[in-house]
PDB file of all heavy atoms in Angstrom:
ATOM      1  N   MET A   1     110.986 122.422 111.311  1.00  0.00           N
ATOM      2  CA  MET A   1     110.840 121.474 110.185  1.00  0.00           C
ATOM      3  C   MET A   1     111.784 120.291 110.318  1.00  0.00           C
ATOM      4  O   MET A   1     111.472 119.181 109.913  1.00  0.00           O
ATOM      5  CB  MET A   1     111.124 122.224 108.876  1.00  0.00           C
ATOM      6  CG  MET A   1     109.975 123.152 108.487  1.00  0.00           C
ATOM      7  SD  MET A   1     108.362 122.384 108.381  1.00  0.00           S
ATOM      8  CE  MET A   1     108.518 121.373 106.935  1.00  0.00           C
ATOM      9  N   GLU A   2     112.976 120.520 110.875  1.00  0.00           N
ATOM     10  CA  GLU A   2     113.921 119.374 111.018  1.00  0.00           C
ATOM     11  C   GLU A   2     113.285 118.313 111.909  1.00  0.00           C
ATOM     12  O   GLU A   2     113.385 117.127 111.630  1.00  0.00           O
ATOM     13  CB  GLU A   2     115.218 119.898 111.671  1.00  0.00           C
ATOM     14  CG  GLU A   2     116.021 120.787 110.762  1.00  0.00           C
ATOM     15  CD  GLU A   2     116.783 120.064 109.715  1.00  0.00           C
ATOM     16  OE1 GLU A   2     117.044 118.829 109.885  1.00  0.00           O
ATOM     17  OE2 GLU A   2     117.135 120.658 108.688  1.00  0.00           O
ATOM     18  N   LEU A   3     112.734 118.756 113.054  1.00  0.00           N
ATOM     19  CA  LEU A   3     112.152 117.791 114.010  1.00  0.00           C
ATOM     20  C   LEU A   3     110.957 117.063 113.446  1.00  0.00           C
ATOM     21  O   LEU A   3     110.913 115.847 113.532  1.00  0.00           O
ATOM     22  CB  LEU A   3     111.780 118.529 115.332  1.00  0.00           C
ATOM     23  CG  LEU A   3     111.071 117.670 116.387  1.00  0.00           C
ATOM     24  CD1 LEU A   3     111.969 116.539 116.832  1.00  0.00           C
ATOM     25  CD2 LEU A   3     110.655 118.515 117.554  1.00  0.00           C
ATOM     26  N   ILE A   4     110.058 117.812 112.849  1.00  0.00           N
ATOM     27  CA  ILE A   4     108.868 117.144 112.294  1.00  0.00           C
ATOM     28  C   ILE A   4     109.226 116.199 111.128  1.00  0.00           C
ATOM     29  O   ILE A   4     108.675 115.130 110.979  1.00  0.00           O
ATOM     30  CB  ILE A   4     107.764 118.132 111.922  1.00  0.00           C
ATOM     31  CG1 ILE A   4     106.412 117.424 111.842  1.00  0.00           C
ATOM     32  CG2 ILE A   4     108.045 118.808 110.636  1.00  0.00           C
ATOM     33  CD1 ILE A   4     105.231 118.213 112.146  1.00  0.00           C
ATOM     34  N   SER A   5     110.225 116.613 110.329  1.00  0.00           N
ATOM     35  CA  SER A   5     110.686 115.737 109.232  1.00  0.00           C
ATOM     36  C   SER A   5     111.286 114.474 109.779  1.00  0.00           C
ATOM     37  O   SER A   5     111.049 113.374 109.250  1.00  0.00           O
ATOM     38  CB  SER A   5     111.717 116.460 108.371  1.00  0.00           C
ATOM     39  OG  SER A   5     111.136 117.542 107.708  1.00  0.00           O
ATOM     40  N   LYS A   6     112.085 114.559 110.811  1.00  0.00           N
ATOM     41  CA  LYS A   6     112.681 113.394 111.456  1.00  0.00           C
ATOM     42  C   LYS A   6     111.592 112.448 112.005  1.00  0.00           C
ATOM     43  O   LYS A   6     111.689 111.242 111.796  1.00  0.00           O
ATOM     44  CB  LYS A   6     113.607 113.839 112.578  1.00  0.00           C
ATOM     45  CG  LYS A   6     114.365 112.700 113.221  1.00  0.00           C
ATOM     46  CD  LYS A   6     115.289 113.184 114.308  1.00  0.00           C
ATOM     47  CE  LYS A   6     115.910 111.994 115.022  1.00  0.00           C
ATOM     48  NZ  LYS A   6     116.719 112.371 116.154  1.00  0.00           N
ATOM     49  N   MET A   7     110.594 113.014 112.688  1.00  0.00           N
ATOM     50  CA  MET A   7     109.509 112.221 113.224  1.00  0.00           C
ATOM     51  C   MET A   7     108.729 111.519 112.104  1.00  0.00           C
ATOM     52  O   MET A   7     108.420 110.310 112.201  1.00  0.00           O
ATOM     53  CB  MET A   7     108.607 113.026 114.097  1.00  0.00           C
ATOM     54  CG  MET A   7     109.265 113.483 115.374  1.00  0.00           C
ATOM     55  SD  MET A   7     108.139 114.199 116.636  1.00  0.00           S
ATOM     56  CE  MET A   7     107.209 115.360 115.689  1.00  0.00           C
ATOM     57  N   ILE A   8     108.413 112.223 111.061  1.00  0.00           N
ATOM     58  CA  ILE A   8     107.681 111.655 109.956  1.00  0.00           C
ATOM     59  C   ILE A   8     108.514 110.581 109.272  1.00  0.00           C
ATOM     60  O   ILE A   8     107.972 109.484 108.942  1.00  0.00           O
ATOM     61  CB  ILE A   8     107.255 112.758 108.942  1.00  0.00           C
ATOM     62  CG1 ILE A   8     106.225 113.692 109.535  1.00  0.00           C
ATOM     63  CG2 ILE A   8     106.733 112.108 107.645  1.00  0.00           C
ATOM     64  CD1 ILE A   8     105.961 114.935 108.705  1.00  0.00           C
ATOM     65  N   GLY A   9     109.797 110.847 109.090  1.00  0.00           N
ATOM     66  CA  GLY A   9     110.683 109.841 108.486  1.00  0.00           C
ATOM     67  C   GLY A   9     110.735 108.551 109.268  1.00  0.00           C
ATOM     68  O   GLY A   9     110.723 107.477 108.704  1.00  0.00           O
ATOM     69  N   GLU A  10     110.808 108.630 110.616  1.00  0.00           N
ATOM     70  CA  GLU A  10     110.795 107.445 111.457  1.00  0.00           C
ATOM     71  C   GLU A  10     109.446 106.660 111.338  1.00  0.00           C
ATOM     72  O   GLU A  10     109.458 105.459 111.257  1.00  0.00           O
ATOM     73  CB  GLU A  10     110.985 107.848 112.948  1.00  0.00           C
ATOM     74  CG  GLU A  10     112.372 108.273 113.244  1.00  0.00           C
ATOM     75  CD  GLU A  10     112.511 108.751 114.692  1.00  0.00           C
ATOM     76  OE1 GLU A  10     111.716 108.338 115.541  1.00  0.00           O
ATOM     77  OE2 GLU A  10     113.424 109.517 115.000  1.00  0.00           O
ATOM     78  N   LEU A  11     108.376 107.436 111.349  1.00  0.00           N
ATOM     79  CA  LEU A  11     107.041 106.793 111.290  1.00  0.00           C
ATOM     80  C   LEU A  11     106.735 106.154 109.934  1.00  0.00           C
ATOM     81  O   LEU A  11     106.142 105.125 109.868  1.00  0.00           O
ATOM     82  CB  LEU A  11     105.973 107.813 111.629  1.00  0.00           C
ATOM     83  CG  LEU A  11     105.952 108.282 113.096  1.00  0.00           C
ATOM     84  CD1 LEU A  11     105.009 109.460 113.287  1.00  0.00           C
ATOM     85  CD2 LEU A  11     105.582 107.118 114.051  1.00  0.00           C
ATOM     86  N   ILE A  12     107.138 106.827 108.850  1.00  0.00           N
ATOM     87  CA  ILE A  12     106.766 106.319 107.509  1.00  0.00           C
ATOM     88  C   ILE A  12     107.545 105.044 107.156  1.00  0.00           C
ATOM     89  O   ILE A  12     107.114 104.313 106.316  1.00  0.00           O
ATOM     90  CB  ILE A  12     106.988 107.418 106.416  1.00  0.00           C
ATOM     91  CG1 ILE A  12     106.100 107.205 105.233  1.00  0.00           C
ATOM     92  CG2 ILE A  12     108.431 107.519 105.983  1.00  0.00           C
ATOM     93  CD1 ILE A  12     104.682 107.583 105.432  1.00  0.00           C
ATOM     94  N   LEU A  13     108.662 104.778 107.851  1.00  0.00           N
ATOM     95  CA  LEU A  13     109.391 103.555 107.623  1.00  0.00           C
ATOM     96  C   LEU A  13     108.570 102.310 108.047  1.00  0.00           C
ATOM     97  O   LEU A  13     108.642 101.257 107.377  1.00  0.00           O
ATOM     98  CB  LEU A  13     110.718 103.543 108.404  1.00  0.00           C
ATOM     99  CG  LEU A  13     111.782 104.452 107.884  1.00  0.00           C
ATOM    100  CD1 LEU A  13     113.013 104.444 108.831  1.00  0.00           C
ATOM    101  CD2 LEU A  13     112.223 104.089 106.472  1.00  0.00           C
ATOM    102  N   ASP A  14     107.781 102.440 109.080  1.00  0.00           N
ATOM    103  CA  ASP A  14     107.030 101.309 109.627  1.00  0.00           C
ATOM    104  C   ASP A  14     105.557 101.355 109.290  1.00  0.00           C
ATOM    105  O   ASP A  14     104.829 100.414 109.604  1.00  0.00           O
ATOM    106  CB  ASP A  14     107.223 101.214 111.123  1.00  0.00           C
ATOM    107  CG  ASP A  14     108.674 100.906 111.500  1.00  0.00           C
ATOM    108  OD1 ASP A  14     109.339 100.241 110.758  1.00  0.00           O
ATOM    109  OD2 ASP A  14     109.112 101.416 112.558  1.00  0.00           O
ATOM    110  N   ASN A  15     105.049 102.455 108.789  1.00  0.00           N
ATOM    111  CA  ASN A  15     103.634 102.654 108.506  1.00  0.00           C
ATOM    112  C   ASN A  15     103.384 103.076 107.066  1.00  0.00           C
ATOM    113  O   ASN A  15     104.236 103.732 106.456  1.00  0.00           O
ATOM    114  CB  ASN A  15     103.080 103.707 109.451  1.00  0.00           C
ATOM    115  CG  ASN A  15     103.279 103.325 110.887  1.00  0.00           C
ATOM    116  OD1 ASN A  15     102.535 102.502 111.422  1.00  0.00           O
ATOM    117  ND2 ASN A  15     104.307 103.840 111.535  1.00  0.00           N
ATOM    118  N   ASP A  16     102.258 102.742 106.526  1.00  0.00           N
ATOM    119  CA  ASP A  16     101.936 103.135 105.173  1.00  0.00           C
ATOM    120  C   ASP A  16     101.418 104.576 105.046  1.00  0.00           C
ATOM    121  O   ASP A  16     101.315 105.079 103.943  1.00  0.00           O
ATOM    122  CB  ASP A  16     100.903 102.162 104.574  1.00  0.00           C
ATOM    123  CG  ASP A  16     101.483 100.781 104.303  1.00  0.00           C
ATOM    124  OD1 ASP A  16     102.713 100.694 104.128  1.00  0.00           O
ATOM    125  OD2 ASP A  16     100.731  99.817 104.373  1.00  0.00           O
ATOM    126  N   SER A  17     101.045 105.194 106.159  1.00  0.00           N
ATOM    127  CA  SER A  17     100.576 106.567 106.126  1.00  0.00           C
ATOM    128  C   SER A  17     100.816 107.220 107.462  1.00  0.00           C
ATOM    129  O   SER A  17     100.853 106.565 108.505  1.00  0.00           O
ATOM    130  CB  SER A  17      99.127 106.656 105.729  1.00  0.00           C
ATOM    131  OG  SER A  17      98.314 106.112 106.746  1.00  0.00           O
ATOM    132  N   VAL A  18     100.986 108.540 107.418  1.00  0.00           N
ATOM    133  CA  VAL A  18     101.141 109.362 108.617  1.00  0.00           C
ATOM    134  C   VAL A  18     100.273 110.608 108.473  1.00  0.00           C
ATOM    135  O   VAL A  18     100.418 111.351 107.476  1.00  0.00           O
ATOM    136  CB  VAL A  18     102.630 109.760 108.846  1.00  0.00           C
ATOM    137  CG1 VAL A  18     102.731 110.675 110.040  1.00  0.00           C
ATOM    138  CG2 VAL A  18     103.516 108.536 109.034  1.00  0.00           C
ATOM    139  N   THR A  19      99.358 110.803 109.403  1.00  0.00           N
ATOM    140  CA  THR A  19      98.493 111.947 109.382  1.00  0.00           C
ATOM    141  C   THR A  19      99.197 113.212 109.885  1.00  0.00           C
ATOM    142  O   THR A  19      99.836 113.159 110.946  1.00  0.00           O
ATOM    143  CB  THR A  19      97.234 111.699 110.186  1.00  0.00           C
ATOM    144  OG1 THR A  19      96.554 110.603 109.613  1.00  0.00           O
ATOM    145  CG2 THR A  19      96.293 112.903 110.263  1.00  0.00           C
ATOM    146  N   LEU A  20      99.023 114.314 109.162  1.00  0.00           N
ATOM    147  CA  LEU A  20      99.504 115.622 109.604  1.00  0.00           C
ATOM    148  C   LEU A  20      98.236 116.361 110.046  1.00  0.00           C
ATOM    149  O   LEU A  20      97.497 116.851 109.178  1.00  0.00           O
ATOM    150  CB  LEU A  20     100.213 116.349 108.478  1.00  0.00           C
ATOM    151  CG  LEU A  20     101.397 115.649 107.849  1.00  0.00           C
ATOM    152  CD1 LEU A  20     101.967 116.489 106.706  1.00  0.00           C
ATOM    153  CD2 LEU A  20     102.448 115.313 108.864  1.00  0.00           C
ATOM    154  N   PRO A  21      97.911 116.387 111.337  1.00  0.00           N
ATOM    155  CA  PRO A  21      96.645 116.957 111.800  1.00  0.00           C
ATOM    156  C   PRO A  21      96.405 118.359 111.245  1.00  0.00           C
ATOM    157  O   PRO A  21      97.214 119.234 111.347  1.00  0.00           O
ATOM    158  CB  PRO A  21      96.820 117.021 113.302  1.00  0.00           C
ATOM    159  CG  PRO A  21      97.856 116.004 113.641  1.00  0.00           C
ATOM    160  CD  PRO A  21      98.776 116.014 112.456  1.00  0.00           C
ATOM    161  N   GLY A  22      95.186 118.481 110.665  1.00  0.00           N
ATOM    162  CA  GLY A  22      94.783 119.784 110.111  1.00  0.00           C
ATOM    163  C   GLY A  22      95.324 120.076 108.754  1.00  0.00           C
ATOM    164  O   GLY A  22      94.957 121.094 108.149  1.00  0.00           O
ATOM    165  N   VAL A  23      96.159 119.206 108.177  1.00  0.00           N
ATOM    166  CA  VAL A  23      96.765 119.445 106.904  1.00  0.00           C
ATOM    167  C   VAL A  23      96.380 118.368 105.877  1.00  0.00           C
ATOM    168  O   VAL A  23      95.914 118.636 104.788  1.00  0.00           O
ATOM    169  CB  VAL A  23      98.293 119.555 106.993  1.00  0.00           C
ATOM    170  CG1 VAL A  23      98.935 119.747 105.645  1.00  0.00           C
ATOM    171  CG2 VAL A  23      98.715 120.683 107.938  1.00  0.00           C
ATOM    172  N   GLY A  24      96.641 117.123 106.264  1.00  0.00           N
ATOM    173  CA  GLY A  24      96.355 116.031 105.342  1.00  0.00           C
ATOM    174  C   GLY A  24      97.095 114.769 105.764  1.00  0.00           C
ATOM    175  O   GLY A  24      97.431 114.577 106.987  1.00  0.00           O
ATOM    176  N   CYS A  25      97.484 113.953 104.836  1.00  0.00           N
ATOM    177  CA  CYS A  25      98.076 112.657 105.142  1.00  0.00           C
ATOM    178  C   CYS A  25      99.178 112.352 104.139  1.00  0.00           C
ATOM    179  O   CYS A  25      99.042 112.560 102.908  1.00  0.00           O
ATOM    180  CB  CYS A  25      96.979 111.585 105.079  1.00  0.00           C
ATOM    181  SG  CYS A  25      97.480 110.019 105.715  1.00  0.00           S
ATOM    182  N   LEU A  26     100.355 111.906 104.650  1.00  0.00           N
ATOM    183  CA  LEU A  26     101.431 111.425 103.793  1.00  0.00           C
ATOM    184  C   LEU A  26     101.262 109.908 103.646  1.00  0.00           C
ATOM    185  O   LEU A  26     101.151 109.203 104.648  1.00  0.00           O
ATOM    186  CB  LEU A  26     102.770 111.798 104.382  1.00  0.00           C
ATOM    187  CG  LEU A  26     103.091 113.275 104.433  1.00  0.00           C
ATOM    188  CD1 LEU A  26     104.408 113.484 105.174  1.00  0.00           C
ATOM    189  CD2 LEU A  26     103.182 113.840 103.028  1.00  0.00           C
ATOM    190  N   ILE A  27     101.307 109.432 102.414  1.00  0.00           N
ATOM    191  CA  ILE A  27     101.058 108.030 102.149  1.00  0.00           C
ATOM    192  C   ILE A  27     102.258 107.434 101.427  1.00  0.00           C
ATOM    193  O   ILE A  27     102.698 108.001 100.439  1.00  0.00           O
ATOM    194  CB  ILE A  27      99.787 107.839 101.290  1.00  0.00           C
ATOM    195  CG1 ILE A  27      98.586 108.471 101.996  1.00  0.00           C
ATOM    196  CG2 ILE A  27      99.555 106.401 100.974  1.00  0.00           C
ATOM    197  CD1 ILE A  27      97.425 108.720 101.080  1.00  0.00           C
ATOM    198  N   ALA A  28     102.779 106.321 101.922  1.00  0.00           N
ATOM    199  CA  ALA A  28     103.862 105.608 101.285  1.00  0.00           C
ATOM    200  C   ALA A  28     103.329 104.494 100.412  1.00  0.00           C
ATOM    201  O   ALA A  28     102.625 103.621 100.903  1.00  0.00           O
ATOM    202  CB  ALA A  28     104.835 105.024 102.319  1.00  0.00           C
ATOM    203  N   VAL A  29     103.578 104.588  99.110  1.00  0.00           N
ATOM    204  CA  VAL A  29     103.104 103.615  98.163  1.00  0.00           C
ATOM    205  C   VAL A  29     104.251 102.770  97.646  1.00  0.00           C
ATOM    206  O   VAL A  29     105.298 103.328  97.234  1.00  0.00           O
ATOM    207  CB  VAL A  29     102.406 104.338  96.948  1.00  0.00           C
ATOM    208  CG1 VAL A  29     101.916 103.324  95.939  1.00  0.00           C
ATOM    209  CG2 VAL A  29     101.294 105.211  97.441  1.00  0.00           C
ATOM    210  N   ARG A  30     104.122 101.480  97.699  1.00  0.00           N
ATOM    211  CA  ARG A  30     105.175 100.589  97.191  1.00  0.00           C
ATOM    212  C   ARG A  30     105.227 100.608  95.685  1.00  0.00           C
ATOM    213  O   ARG A  30     104.209 100.406  95.024  1.00  0.00           O
ATOM    214  CB  ARG A  30     104.917  99.146  97.688  1.00  0.00           C
ATOM    215  CG  ARG A  30     104.991  99.070  99.154  1.00  0.00           C
ATOM    216  CD  ARG A  30     104.699  97.613  99.637  1.00  0.00           C
ATOM    217  NE  ARG A  30     104.356  97.568 101.038  1.00  0.00           N
ATOM    218  CZ  ARG A  30     105.268  97.538 102.012  1.00  0.00           C
ATOM    219  NH1 ARG A  30     106.504  97.533 101.741  1.00  0.00           N
ATOM    220  NH2 ARG A  30     104.843  97.480 103.265  1.00  0.00           N
TER     221      ARG A  30
END
């Protein structure tokens, strides 16, 4: 969980959404 959280955190800074394959999508809303 530490690694995947770190990767998602890096990606969500520059992108409005990050797909978690087979689970769903995290979306950053301003």
